[in-house]
Amino acid sequence: MLFRSVTWNGEQLSVGGKGNGPLDGFVNALSGTPVPAFNITAFHEHSMGSGSNTSAVAYVQITTTDGVSRWGVGVSSNVGRAGIEAVVSAINQL
């Protein structure tokens, strides 16, 4: 189970969710919050260099249930974290 603290419209929320990986767990955790419901409709990720000590960049498109689409980008040395950061980036544009 993934547990995180997120802020939505100035309100601090503690969320937790299960999934087939960190990104899926985070998205599932958000489903029980006031964040608008959405699906990940595109996901791309790649390394920003070579070797085991490089960062990853993730690009995520989310689409809300009413059809609004937004892209987000996340960068981290942790591949799972880069995807989560990209989702947060996209949500912040809603």
PDB file of N, CA and C in Angstrom:
ATOM      1  N   MET A   1       0.851  -1.173   0.000  1.00  0.00           N
ATOM      2  CA  MET A   1       0.000   0.000   0.000  1.00  0.00           C
ATOM      3  C   MET A   1       0.898   1.237   0.000  1.00  0.00           C
ATOM      4  N   LEU A   2       0.536   2.177  -0.807  1.00  0.00           N
ATOM      5  CA  LEU A   2       1.261   3.437  -0.915  1.00  0.00           C
ATOM      6  C   LEU A   2       0.558   4.494  -0.079  1.00  0.00           C
ATOM      7  N   PHE A   3       1.287   5.130   0.823  1.00  0.00           N
ATOM      8  CA  PHE A   3       0.736   6.217   1.634  1.00  0.00           C
ATOM      9  C   PHE A   3       1.471   7.498   1.299  1.00  0.00           C
ATOM     10  N   ARG A   4       0.727   8.561   1.186  1.00  0.00           N
ATOM     11  CA  ARG A   4       1.289   9.862   0.841  1.00  0.00           C
ATOM     12  C   ARG A   4       0.454  10.961   1.440  1.00  0.00           C
ATOM     13  N   SER A   5       1.075  12.084   1.590  1.00  0.00           N
ATOM     14  CA  SER A   5       0.369  13.290   2.001  1.00  0.00           C
ATOM     15  C   SER A   5       0.337  14.223   0.795  1.00  0.00           C
ATOM     16  N   VAL A   6      -0.853  14.683   0.426  1.00  0.00           N
ATOM     17  CA  VAL A   6      -1.011  15.597  -0.703  1.00  0.00           C
ATOM     18  C   VAL A   6      -1.833  16.799  -0.256  1.00  0.00           C
ATOM     19  N   THR A   7      -1.685  17.898  -0.983  1.00  0.00           N
ATOM     20  CA  THR A   7      -2.475  19.093  -0.699  1.00  0.00           C
ATOM     21  C   THR A   7      -3.338  19.386  -1.908  1.00  0.00           C
ATOM     22  N   TRP A   8      -4.629  19.562  -1.673  1.00  0.00           N
ATOM     23  CA  TRP A   8      -5.567  19.912  -2.738  1.00  0.00           C
ATOM     24  C   TRP A   8      -6.370  21.121  -2.284  1.00  0.00           C
ATOM     25  N   ASN A   9      -6.257  22.223  -3.034  1.00  0.00           N
ATOM     26  CA  ASN A   9      -6.948  23.473  -2.709  1.00  0.00           C
ATOM     27  C   ASN A   9      -6.691  23.904  -1.268  1.00  0.00           C
ATOM     28  N   GLY A  10      -5.444  23.768  -0.826  1.00  0.00           N
ATOM     29  CA  GLY A  10      -5.054  24.204   0.505  1.00  0.00           C
ATOM     30  C   GLY A  10      -5.353  23.220   1.623  1.00  0.00           C
ATOM     31  N   GLU A  11      -5.996  22.113   1.317  1.00  0.00           N
ATOM     32  CA  GLU A  11      -6.340  21.110   2.325  1.00  0.00           C
ATOM     33  C   GLU A  11      -5.350  19.960   2.278  1.00  0.00           C
ATOM     34  N   GLN A  12      -4.731  19.655   3.417  1.00  0.00           N
ATOM     35  CA  GLN A  12      -3.777  18.548   3.525  1.00  0.00           C
ATOM     36  C   GLN A  12      -4.550  17.236   3.624  1.00  0.00           C
ATOM     37  N   LEU A  13      -4.251  16.290   2.749  1.00  0.00           N
ATOM     38  CA  LEU A  13      -4.932  15.002   2.714  1.00  0.00           C
ATOM     39  C   LEU A  13      -3.921  13.876   2.869  1.00  0.00           C
ATOM     40  N   SER A  14      -4.263  12.870   3.662  1.00  0.00           N
ATOM     41  CA  SER A  14      -3.457  11.657   3.748  1.00  0.00           C
ATOM     42  C   SER A  14      -4.149  10.606   2.900  1.00  0.00           C
ATOM     43  N   VAL A  15      -3.426  10.029   1.953  1.00  0.00           N
ATOM     44  CA  VAL A  15      -4.032   9.072   1.036  1.00  0.00           C
ATOM     45  C   VAL A  15      -3.245   7.778   1.037  1.00  0.00           C
ATOM     46  N   GLY A  16      -3.914   6.712   0.719  1.00  0.00           N
ATOM     47  CA  GLY A  16      -3.270   5.412   0.595  1.00  0.00           C
ATOM     48  C   GLY A  16      -4.016   4.593  -0.429  1.00  0.00           C
ATOM     49  N   GLY A  17      -3.296   3.820  -1.210  1.00  0.00           N
ATOM     50  CA  GLY A  17      -3.939   3.000  -2.224  1.00  0.00           C
ATOM     51  C   GLY A  17      -3.043   1.866  -2.668  1.00  0.00           C
ATOM     52  N   LYS A  18      -3.650   0.852  -3.221  1.00  0.00           N
ATOM     53  CA  LYS A  18      -2.939  -0.303  -3.746  1.00  0.00           C
ATOM     54  C   LYS A  18      -2.977  -0.262  -5.264  1.00  0.00           C
ATOM     55  N   GLY A  19      -1.979  -0.856  -5.872  1.00  0.00           N
ATOM     56  CA  GLY A  19      -1.951  -0.944  -7.322  1.00  0.00           C
ATOM     57  C   GLY A  19      -0.872  -1.892  -7.767  1.00  0.00           C
ATOM     58  N   ASN A  20      -0.716  -2.018  -9.082  1.00  0.00           N
ATOM     59  CA  ASN A  20       0.296  -2.931  -9.604  1.00  0.00           C
ATOM     60  C   ASN A  20       1.672  -2.278  -9.659  1.00  0.00           C
ATOM     61  N   GLY A  21       1.797  -1.091  -9.109  1.00  0.00           N
ATOM     62  CA  GLY A  21       3.064  -0.371  -9.030  1.00  0.00           C
ATOM     63  C   GLY A  21       2.825   0.957  -8.327  1.00  0.00           C
ATOM     64  N   PRO A  22       3.878   1.738  -8.112  1.00  0.00           N
ATOM     65  CA  PRO A  22       3.716   3.002  -7.388  1.00  0.00           C
ATOM     66  C   PRO A  22       2.761   3.980  -8.066  1.00  0.00           C
ATOM     67  N   LEU A  23       2.820   4.082  -9.368  1.00  0.00           N
ATOM     68  CA  LEU A  23       1.958   5.021 -10.082  1.00  0.00           C
ATOM     69  C   LEU A  23       0.490   4.607  -9.969  1.00  0.00           C
ATOM     70  N   ASP A  24       0.201   3.353 -10.187  1.00  0.00           N
ATOM     71  CA  ASP A  24      -1.165   2.844 -10.071  1.00  0.00           C
ATOM     72  C   ASP A  24      -1.678   3.001  -8.641  1.00  0.00           C
ATOM     73  N   GLY A  25      -0.834   2.719  -7.655  1.00  0.00           N
ATOM     74  CA  GLY A  25      -1.223   2.892  -6.259  1.00  0.00           C
ATOM     75  C   GLY A  25      -1.545   4.340  -5.931  1.00  0.00           C
ATOM     76  N   PHE A  26      -0.755   5.269  -6.465  1.00  0.00           N
ATOM     77  CA  PHE A  26      -0.984   6.691  -6.225  1.00  0.00           C
ATOM     78  C   PHE A  26      -2.294   7.152  -6.862  1.00  0.00           C
ATOM     79  N   VAL A  27      -2.535   6.744  -8.112  1.00  0.00           N
ATOM     80  CA  VAL A  27      -3.779   7.114  -8.794  1.00  0.00           C
ATOM     81  C   VAL A  27      -4.977   6.534  -8.042  1.00  0.00           C
ATOM     82  N   ASN A  28      -4.886   5.286  -7.612  1.00  0.00           N
ATOM     83  CA  ASN A  28      -5.975   4.678  -6.839  1.00  0.00           C
ATOM     84  C   ASN A  28      -6.188   5.405  -5.515  1.00  0.00           C
ATOM     85  N   ALA A  29      -5.111   5.853  -4.891  1.00  0.00           N
ATOM     86  CA  ALA A  29      -5.222   6.585  -3.623  1.00  0.00           C
ATOM     87  C   ALA A  29      -5.969   7.901  -3.814  1.00  0.00           C
ATOM     88  N   LEU A  30      -5.763   8.546  -4.933  1.00  0.00           N
ATOM     89  CA  LEU A  30      -6.422   9.831  -5.187  1.00  0.00           C
ATOM     90  C   LEU A  30      -7.915   9.687  -5.456  1.00  0.00           C
ATOM     91  N   SER A  31      -8.364   8.489  -5.798  1.00  0.00           N
ATOM     92  CA  SER A  31      -9.779   8.297  -6.128  1.00  0.00           C
ATOM     93  C   SER A  31     -10.705   8.569  -4.943  1.00  0.00           C
ATOM     94  N   GLY A  32     -10.194   8.521  -3.735  1.00  0.00           N
ATOM     95  CA  GLY A  32     -11.021   8.791  -2.557  1.00  0.00           C
ATOM     96  C   GLY A  32     -10.877  10.210  -2.040  1.00  0.00           C
ATOM     97  N   THR A  33     -10.436  11.122  -2.882  1.00  0.00           N
ATOM     98  CA  THR A  33     -10.211  12.517  -2.475  1.00  0.00           C
ATOM     99  C   THR A  33     -11.056  13.451  -3.339  1.00  0.00           C
ATOM    100  N   PRO A  34     -11.044  14.753  -3.021  1.00  0.00           N
ATOM    101  CA  PRO A  34     -11.766  15.717  -3.862  1.00  0.00           C
ATOM    102  C   PRO A  34     -11.101  15.997  -5.219  1.00  0.00           C
ATOM    103  N   VAL A  35      -9.926  15.436  -5.482  1.00  0.00           N
ATOM    104  CA  VAL A  35      -9.268  15.611  -6.779  1.00  0.00           C
ATOM    105  C   VAL A  35     -10.217  15.055  -7.853  1.00  0.00           C
ATOM    106  N   PRO A  36     -10.440  15.791  -8.950  1.00  0.00           N
ATOM    107  CA  PRO A  36     -11.342  15.292  -9.994  1.00  0.00           C
ATOM    108  C   PRO A  36     -10.918  13.912 -10.493  1.00  0.00           C
ATOM    109  N   ALA A  37     -11.903  13.059 -10.729  1.00  0.00           N
ATOM    110  CA  ALA A  37     -11.618  11.710 -11.224  1.00  0.00           C
ATOM    111  C   ALA A  37     -10.956  11.794 -12.604  1.00  0.00           C
ATOM    112  N   PHE A  38      -9.947  10.956 -12.815  1.00  0.00           N
ATOM    113  CA  PHE A  38      -9.216  10.959 -14.072  1.00  0.00           C
ATOM    114  C   PHE A  38      -8.651   9.585 -14.369  1.00  0.00           C
ATOM    115  N   ASN A  39      -8.261   9.405 -15.619  1.00  0.00           N
ATOM    116  CA  ASN A  39      -7.547   8.221 -16.064  1.00  0.00           C
ATOM    117  C   ASN A  39      -6.246   8.665 -16.704  1.00  0.00           C
ATOM    118  N   ILE A  40      -5.234   7.831 -16.612  1.00  0.00           N
ATOM    119  CA  ILE A  40      -4.000   8.084 -17.354  1.00  0.00           C
ATOM    120  C   ILE A  40      -4.247   7.591 -18.776  1.00  0.00           C
ATOM    121  N   THR A  41      -4.157   8.502 -19.739  1.00  0.00           N
ATOM    122  CA  THR A  41      -4.447   8.156 -21.128  1.00  0.00           C
ATOM    123  C   THR A  41      -3.187   8.051 -21.982  1.00  0.00           C
ATOM    124  N   ALA A  42      -2.059   8.492 -21.459  1.00  0.00           N
ATOM    125  CA  ALA A  42      -0.774   8.304 -22.145  1.00  0.00           C
ATOM    126  C   ALA A  42       0.336   8.368 -21.101  1.00  0.00           C
ATOM    127  N   PHE A  43       1.362   7.567 -21.303  1.00  0.00           N
ATOM    128  CA  PHE A  43       2.504   7.539 -20.383  1.00  0.00           C
ATOM    129  C   PHE A  43       3.756   7.208 -21.174  1.00  0.00           C
ATOM    130  N   HIS A  44       4.771   8.042 -21.017  1.00  0.00           N
ATOM    131  CA  HIS A  44       6.063   7.806 -21.662  1.00  0.00           C
ATOM    132  C   HIS A  44       7.154   8.105 -20.641  1.00  0.00           C
ATOM    133  N   GLU A  45       8.221   7.319 -20.706  1.00  0.00           N
ATOM    134  CA  GLU A  45       9.294   7.501 -19.740  1.00  0.00           C
ATOM    135  C   GLU A  45      10.618   7.109 -20.389  1.00  0.00           C
ATOM    136  N   HIS A  46      11.679   7.814 -20.015  1.00  0.00           N
ATOM    137  CA  HIS A  46      13.010   7.442 -20.495  1.00  0.00           C
ATOM    138  C   HIS A  46      14.059   7.992 -19.544  1.00  0.00           C
ATOM    139  N   SER A  47      15.260   7.462 -19.674  1.00  0.00           N
ATOM    140  CA  SER A  47      16.361   7.953 -18.837  1.00  0.00           C
ATOM    141  C   SER A  47      16.901   9.240 -19.436  1.00  0.00           C
ATOM    142  N   MET A  48      17.549  10.022 -18.589  1.00  0.00           N
ATOM    143  CA  MET A  48      18.119  11.294 -19.034  1.00  0.00           C
ATOM    144  C   MET A  48      19.628  11.190 -19.221  1.00  0.00           C
ATOM    145  N   GLY A  49      20.139   9.998 -19.196  1.00  0.00           N
ATOM    146  CA  GLY A  49      21.573   9.778 -19.365  1.00  0.00           C
ATOM    147  C   GLY A  49      21.826   8.301 -19.496  1.00  0.00           C
ATOM    148  N   SER A  50      23.021   7.894 -19.133  1.00  0.00           N
ATOM    149  CA  SER A  50      23.339   6.473 -19.195  1.00  0.00           C
ATOM    150  C   SER A  50      23.902   6.031 -17.857  1.00  0.00           C
ATOM    151  N   GLY A  51      23.859   4.753 -17.633  1.00  0.00           N
ATOM    152  CA  GLY A  51      24.357   4.197 -16.378  1.00  0.00           C
ATOM    153  C   GLY A  51      23.267   4.082 -15.340  1.00  0.00           C
ATOM    154  N   SER A  52      23.633   3.492 -14.220  1.00  0.00           N
ATOM    155  CA  SER A  52      22.646   3.237 -13.165  1.00  0.00           C
ATOM    156  C   SER A  52      22.412   4.442 -12.262  1.00  0.00           C
ATOM    157  N   ASN A  53      23.154   5.494 -12.440  1.00  0.00           N
ATOM    158  CA  ASN A  53      23.056   6.652 -11.549  1.00  0.00           C
ATOM    159  C   ASN A  53      22.413   7.859 -12.254  1.00  0.00           C
ATOM    160  N   THR A  54      21.545   7.607 -13.213  1.00  0.00           N
ATOM    161  CA  THR A  54      20.927   8.687 -13.981  1.00  0.00           C
ATOM    162  C   THR A  54      19.488   8.924 -13.530  1.00  0.00           C
ATOM    163  N   SER A  55      18.915  10.010 -13.942  1.00  0.00           N
ATOM    164  CA  SER A  55      17.526  10.324 -13.624  1.00  0.00           C
ATOM    165  C   SER A  55      16.606   9.854 -14.738  1.00  0.00           C
ATOM    166  N   ALA A  56      15.337   9.705 -14.388  1.00  0.00           N
ATOM    167  CA  ALA A  56      14.311   9.358 -15.359  1.00  0.00           C
ATOM    168  C   ALA A  56      13.375  10.546 -15.518  1.00  0.00           C
ATOM    169  N   VAL A  57      12.825  10.686 -16.713  1.00  0.00           N
ATOM    170  CA  VAL A  57      11.800  11.691 -16.961  1.00  0.00           C
ATOM    171  C   VAL A  57      10.552  10.953 -17.427  1.00  0.00           C
ATOM    172  N   ALA A  58       9.405  11.341 -16.872  1.00  0.00           N
ATOM    173  CA  ALA A  58       8.127  10.721 -17.234  1.00  0.00           C
ATOM    174  C   ALA A  58       7.189  11.801 -17.750  1.00  0.00           C
ATOM    175  N   TYR A  59       6.429  11.444 -18.795  1.00  0.00           N
ATOM    176  CA  TYR A  59       5.425  12.323 -19.378  1.00  0.00           C
ATOM    177  C   TYR A  59       4.087  11.602 -19.244  1.00  0.00           C
ATOM    178  N   VAL A  60       3.104  12.263 -18.652  1.00  0.00           N
ATOM    179  CA  VAL A  60       1.813  11.635 -18.412  1.00  0.00           C
ATOM    180  C   VAL A  60       0.705  12.535 -18.927  1.00  0.00           C
ATOM    181  N   GLN A  61      -0.238  11.932 -19.630  1.00  0.00           N
ATOM    182  CA  GLN A  61      -1.461  12.637 -19.989  1.00  0.00           C
ATOM    183  C   GLN A  61      -2.582  12.054 -19.149  1.00  0.00           C
ATOM    184  N   ILE A  62      -3.331  12.928 -18.486  1.00  0.00           N
ATOM    185  CA  ILE A  62      -4.509  12.482 -17.755  1.00  0.00           C
ATOM    186  C   ILE A  62      -5.736  13.075 -18.445  1.00  0.00           C
ATOM    187  N   THR A  63      -6.843  12.356 -18.361  1.00  0.00           N
ATOM    188  CA  THR A  63      -8.106  12.835 -18.902  1.00  0.00           C
ATOM    189  C   THR A  63      -9.176  12.646 -17.838  1.00  0.00           C
ATOM    190  N   THR A  64      -9.863  13.734 -17.503  1.00  0.00           N
ATOM    191  CA  THR A  64     -10.914  13.671 -16.493  1.00  0.00           C
ATOM    192  C   THR A  64     -12.162  13.041 -17.083  1.00  0.00           C
ATOM    193  N   THR A  65     -13.092  12.686 -16.219  1.00  0.00           N
ATOM    194  CA  THR A  65     -14.325  12.035 -16.678  1.00  0.00           C
ATOM    195  C   THR A  65     -15.164  12.957 -17.565  1.00  0.00           C
ATOM    196  N   ASP A  66     -14.949  14.283 -17.464  1.00  0.00           N
ATOM    197  CA  ASP A  66     -15.678  15.197 -18.344  1.00  0.00           C
ATOM    198  C   ASP A  66     -14.870  15.572 -19.593  1.00  0.00           C
ATOM    199  N   GLY A  67     -13.773  14.856 -19.861  1.00  0.00           N
ATOM    200  CA  GLY A  67     -13.040  15.002 -21.109  1.00  0.00           C
ATOM    201  C   GLY A  67     -11.903  16.001 -21.137  1.00  0.00           C
ATOM    202  N   VAL A  68     -11.565  16.613 -20.010  1.00  0.00           N
ATOM    203  CA  VAL A  68     -10.453  17.564 -19.964  1.00  0.00           C
ATOM    204  C   VAL A  68      -9.139  16.787 -19.897  1.00  0.00           C
ATOM    205  N   SER A  69      -8.210  17.089 -20.813  1.00  0.00           N
ATOM    206  CA  SER A  69      -6.912  16.415 -20.839  1.00  0.00           C
ATOM    207  C   SER A  69      -5.804  17.395 -20.484  1.00  0.00           C
ATOM    208  N   ARG A  70      -4.851  16.925 -19.711  1.00  0.00           N
ATOM    209  CA  ARG A  70      -3.678  17.709 -19.335  1.00  0.00           C
ATOM    210  C   ARG A  70      -2.456  16.807 -19.348  1.00  0.00           C
ATOM    211  N   TRP A  71      -1.308  17.395 -19.714  1.00  0.00           N
ATOM    212  CA  TRP A  71      -0.021  16.698 -19.679  1.00  0.00           C
ATOM    213  C   TRP A  71       0.775  17.170 -18.474  1.00  0.00           C
ATOM    214  N   GLY A  72       1.558  16.274 -17.910  1.00  0.00           N
ATOM    215  CA  GLY A  72       2.470  16.613 -16.834  1.00  0.00           C
ATOM    216  C   GLY A  72       3.802  15.933 -17.054  1.00  0.00           C
ATOM    217  N   VAL A  73       4.845  16.507 -16.470  1.00  0.00           N
ATOM    218  CA  VAL A  73       6.196  15.965 -16.585  1.00  0.00           C
ATOM    219  C   VAL A  73       6.791  15.836 -15.192  1.00  0.00           C
ATOM    220  N   GLY A  74       7.490  14.742 -14.951  1.00  0.00           N
ATOM    221  CA  GLY A  74       8.169  14.542 -13.686  1.00  0.00           C
ATOM    222  C   GLY A  74       9.581  14.025 -13.912  1.00  0.00           C
ATOM    223  N   VAL A  75      10.510  14.470 -13.079  1.00  0.00           N
ATOM    224  CA  VAL A  75      11.903  14.037 -13.164  1.00  0.00           C
ATOM    225  C   VAL A  75      12.337  13.567 -11.782  1.00  0.00           C
ATOM    226  N   SER A  76      12.993  12.419 -11.736  1.00  0.00           N
ATOM    227  CA  SER A  76      13.489  11.896 -10.468  1.00  0.00           C
ATOM    228  C   SER A  76      14.552  10.833 -10.744  1.00  0.00           C
ATOM    229  N   SER A  77      15.394  10.602  -9.757  1.00  0.00           N
ATOM    230  CA  SER A  77      16.347   9.498  -9.860  1.00  0.00           C
ATOM    231  C   SER A  77      15.644   8.165  -9.614  1.00  0.00           C
ATOM    232  N   ASN A  78      14.405   8.206  -9.126  1.00  0.00           N
ATOM    233  CA  ASN A  78      13.588   7.023  -8.883  1.00  0.00           C
ATOM    234  C   ASN A  78      12.527   6.948  -9.980  1.00  0.00           C
ATOM    235  N   VAL A  79      12.516   5.872 -10.749  1.00  0.00           N
ATOM    236  CA  VAL A  79      11.604   5.740 -11.885  1.00  0.00           C
ATOM    237  C   VAL A  79      10.142   5.866 -11.451  1.00  0.00           C
ATOM    238  N   GLY A  80       9.753   5.197 -10.376  1.00  0.00           N
ATOM    239  CA  GLY A  80       8.371   5.284  -9.890  1.00  0.00           C
ATOM    240  C   GLY A  80       8.007   6.682  -9.456  1.00  0.00           C
ATOM    241  N   ARG A  81       8.931   7.343  -8.832  1.00  0.00           N
ATOM    242  CA  ARG A  81       8.695   8.712  -8.365  1.00  0.00           C
ATOM    243  C   ARG A  81       8.518   9.680  -9.542  1.00  0.00           C
ATOM    244  N   ALA A  82       9.244   9.479 -10.623  1.00  0.00           N
ATOM    245  CA  ALA A  82       9.106  10.346 -11.802  1.00  0.00           C
ATOM    246  C   ALA A  82       7.683  10.291 -12.342  1.00  0.00           C
ATOM    247  N   GLY A  83       7.083   9.118 -12.393  1.00  0.00           N
ATOM    248  CA  GLY A  83       5.703   8.983 -12.849  1.00  0.00           C
ATOM    249  C   GLY A  83       4.719   9.672 -11.937  1.00  0.00           C
ATOM    250  N   ILE A  84       4.925   9.528 -10.628  1.00  0.00           N
ATOM    251  CA  ILE A  84       4.053  10.192  -9.656  1.00  0.00           C
ATOM    252  C   ILE A  84       4.173  11.703  -9.789  1.00  0.00           C
ATOM    253  N   GLU A  85       5.384  12.203  -9.933  1.00  0.00           N
ATOM    254  CA  GLU A  85       5.593  13.645 -10.105  1.00  0.00           C
ATOM    255  C   GLU A  85       4.909  14.153 -11.375  1.00  0.00           C
ATOM    256  N   ALA A  86       4.917  13.348 -12.431  1.00  0.00           N
ATOM    257  CA  ALA A  86       4.257  13.736 -13.679  1.00  0.00           C
ATOM    258  C   ALA A  86       2.742  13.819 -13.491  1.00  0.00           C
ATOM    259  N   VAL A  87       2.163  12.883 -12.753  1.00  0.00           N
ATOM    260  CA  VAL A  87       0.731  12.932 -12.472  1.00  0.00           C
ATOM    261  C   VAL A  87       0.394  14.171 -11.664  1.00  0.00           C
ATOM    262  N   VAL A  88       1.180  14.467 -10.651  1.00  0.00           N
ATOM    263  CA  VAL A  88       0.955  15.671  -9.836  1.00  0.00           C
ATOM    264  C   VAL A  88       1.045  16.916 -10.707  1.00  0.00           C
ATOM    265  N   SER A  89       2.001  16.953 -11.614  1.00  0.00           N
ATOM    266  CA  SER A  89       2.162  18.096 -12.517  1.00  0.00           C
ATOM    267  C   SER A  89       0.902  18.283 -13.371  1.00  0.00           C
ATOM    268  N   ALA A  90       0.367  17.201 -13.887  1.00  0.00           N
ATOM    269  CA  ALA A  90      -0.843  17.272 -14.716  1.00  0.00           C
ATOM    270  C   ALA A  90      -2.058  17.697 -13.891  1.00  0.00           C
ATOM    271  N   ILE A  91      -2.200  17.150 -12.699  1.00  0.00           N
ATOM    272  CA  ILE A  91      -3.325  17.499 -11.824  1.00  0.00           C
ATOM    273  C   ILE A  91      -3.279  18.972 -11.463  1.00  0.00           C
ATOM    274  N   ASN A  92      -2.091  19.494 -11.233  1.00  0.00           N
ATOM    275  CA  ASN A  92      -1.959  20.913 -10.865  1.00  0.00           C
ATOM    276  C   ASN A  92      -2.435  21.846 -11.953  1.00  0.00           C
ATOM    277  N   GLN A  93      -2.641  21.362 -13.152  1.00  0.00           N
ATOM    278  CA  GLN A  93      -3.135  22.187 -14.252  1.00  0.00           C
ATOM    279  C   GLN A  93      -4.659  22.146 -14.393  1.00  0.00           C
ATOM    280  N   LEU A  94      -5.308  21.317 -13.592  1.00  0.00           N
ATOM    281  CA  LEU A  94      -6.770  21.237 -13.665  1.00  0.00           C
ATOM    282  C   LEU A  94      -7.413  22.444 -13.014  1.00  0.00           C
TER     283      LEU A  94
END
